[in-house]
């Protein structure tokens, strides 16, 4: 069912694309990077896919697109070459060191608030 889109899904996708374009247009004026979103399969929550990872060793920031279907357990800093992993209790490096939690945690939070 994941690959099939209903009329409602297509409408939500069109609305989401419009929001993304407006967001990018506004924030590009302030020299920010564009964001990427997707609509989750369970009903249309917007999930942000770009996160800024901050190396716990040297503080270098890395903009990364998060995988939608798995948790990333290791990450190698391109500046200091340190390989870091999640803090205890976190599922992935994005939840520990990212500006945005991973897609699965975003969906969990969205489902709890719904």
Protein backbone atom coordinates (compact mmCIF):
# COMPACT_ATOMS: atom_id res chain seq x y z
CA UNK A 1 0.00 0.00 0.00
CA UNK A 2 2.98 2.33 0.53
CA UNK A 3 3.44 2.94 -3.20
CA UNK A 4 -0.22 3.68 -3.92
CA UNK A 5 -1.51 7.23 -3.56
CA UNK A 6 -5.16 8.08 -3.11
CA UNK A 7 -6.71 11.31 -4.37
CA UNK A 8 -6.41 12.67 -0.82
CA UNK A 9 -2.71 11.70 -0.70
CA UNK A 10 -2.09 13.50 -4.00
CA UNK A 11 -3.89 16.58 -2.70
CA UNK A 12 -1.78 16.55 0.46
CA UNK A 13 1.37 16.05 -1.59
CA UNK A 14 0.45 19.05 -3.78
CA UNK A 15 -0.20 21.17 -0.69
CA UNK A 16 3.05 20.03 0.90
CA UNK A 17 4.99 20.93 -2.24
CA UNK A 18 3.43 24.41 -2.19
CA UNK A 19 4.40 24.86 1.47
CA UNK A 20 7.95 23.68 0.75
CA UNK A 21 8.32 26.11 -2.16
CA UNK A 22 7.03 29.04 -0.09
CA UNK A 23 9.26 28.09 2.86
CA UNK A 24 12.33 27.82 0.65
CA UNK A 25 11.57 31.11 -1.11
CA UNK A 26 11.22 32.97 2.19
CA UNK A 27 14.25 31.47 3.90
CA UNK A 28 16.51 31.60 0.84
CA UNK A 29 16.38 35.36 1.27
CA UNK A 30 18.13 34.89 4.60
CA UNK A 31 20.77 32.54 3.11
CA UNK A 32 19.39 29.44 4.76
CA UNK A 33 19.49 26.07 3.05
CA UNK A 34 16.24 24.60 1.66
CA UNK A 35 14.47 21.88 3.59
CA UNK A 36 13.05 18.58 2.42
CA UNK A 37 9.82 17.04 3.67
CA UNK A 38 7.84 13.93 2.94
CA UNK A 39 4.34 12.84 3.84
CA UNK A 40 4.34 9.77 6.03
CA UNK A 41 2.45 6.68 4.93
CA UNK A 42 0.09 6.66 7.91
CA UNK A 43 -1.85 9.77 7.12
CA UNK A 44 -0.11 12.88 5.98
CA UNK A 45 2.18 14.14 8.75
CA UNK A 46 5.03 16.24 7.40
CA UNK A 47 8.43 14.82 8.26
CA UNK A 48 11.53 16.96 7.81
CA UNK A 49 14.39 15.07 6.16
CA UNK A 50 17.31 17.49 6.45
CA UNK A 51 19.17 17.76 9.75
CA UNK A 52 22.35 19.54 10.80
CA UNK A 53 24.62 17.11 12.67
CA UNK A 54 27.09 18.73 15.07
CA UNK A 55 30.22 16.71 15.75
CA UNK A 56 30.54 16.18 19.52
CA UNK A 57 34.35 16.21 19.21
CA UNK A 58 35.17 19.30 17.11
CA UNK A 59 31.81 21.07 16.74
CA UNK A 60 31.80 20.97 12.93
CA UNK A 61 28.28 21.11 11.47
CA UNK A 62 27.26 18.75 8.66
CA UNK A 63 24.01 19.14 6.71
CA UNK A 64 22.67 15.68 5.90
CA UNK A 65 19.53 14.18 4.43
CA UNK A 66 18.25 11.57 6.86
CA UNK A 67 17.29 8.11 5.64
CA UNK A 68 13.54 7.58 5.83
CA UNK A 69 13.56 3.86 6.46
CA UNK A 70 16.34 3.22 8.99
CA UNK A 71 18.22 4.71 11.92
CA UNK A 72 21.81 5.76 11.28
CA UNK A 73 23.90 4.44 14.15
CA UNK A 74 27.37 5.70 13.10
CA UNK A 75 28.59 8.92 11.51
CA UNK A 76 32.15 9.94 10.59
CA UNK A 77 33.00 13.64 10.88
CA UNK A 78 34.71 14.81 7.71
CA UNK A 79 36.70 17.39 9.69
CA UNK A 80 38.24 15.44 12.59
CA UNK A 81 37.51 11.87 11.33
CA UNK A 82 35.90 10.88 14.66
CA UNK A 83 33.19 8.24 14.30
CA UNK A 84 30.36 8.99 16.68
CA UNK A 85 27.28 7.05 17.70
CA UNK A 86 24.02 7.86 19.51
CA UNK A 87 23.91 8.85 23.16
CA UNK A 88 22.43 6.20 25.48
CA UNK A 89 18.66 6.05 25.02
CA UNK A 90 18.67 7.59 21.53
CA UNK A 91 18.02 5.48 18.43
CA UNK A 92 20.42 7.24 16.05
CA UNK A 93 22.99 10.01 15.61
CA UNK A 94 20.30 12.43 14.38
CA UNK A 95 18.35 12.11 17.64
CA UNK A 96 21.54 12.74 19.64
CA UNK A 97 23.42 15.34 17.58
CA UNK A 98 21.02 16.59 14.92
CA UNK A 99 19.02 19.80 14.64
CA UNK A 100 16.02 17.61 13.75
CA UNK A 101 15.17 14.18 15.17
CA UNK A 102 15.01 11.22 12.78
CA UNK A 103 11.86 10.61 10.68
CA UNK A 104 10.63 7.73 12.86
CA UNK A 105 10.82 9.89 16.02
CA UNK A 106 9.10 12.79 14.23
CA UNK A 107 6.28 10.43 13.25
CA UNK A 108 6.03 9.06 16.81
CA UNK A 109 5.74 12.60 18.20
CA UNK A 110 3.15 13.51 15.58
CA UNK A 111 1.07 10.40 16.41
CA UNK A 112 1.23 11.16 20.15
CA UNK A 113 -0.02 14.70 19.64
CA UNK A 114 -2.82 13.64 17.26
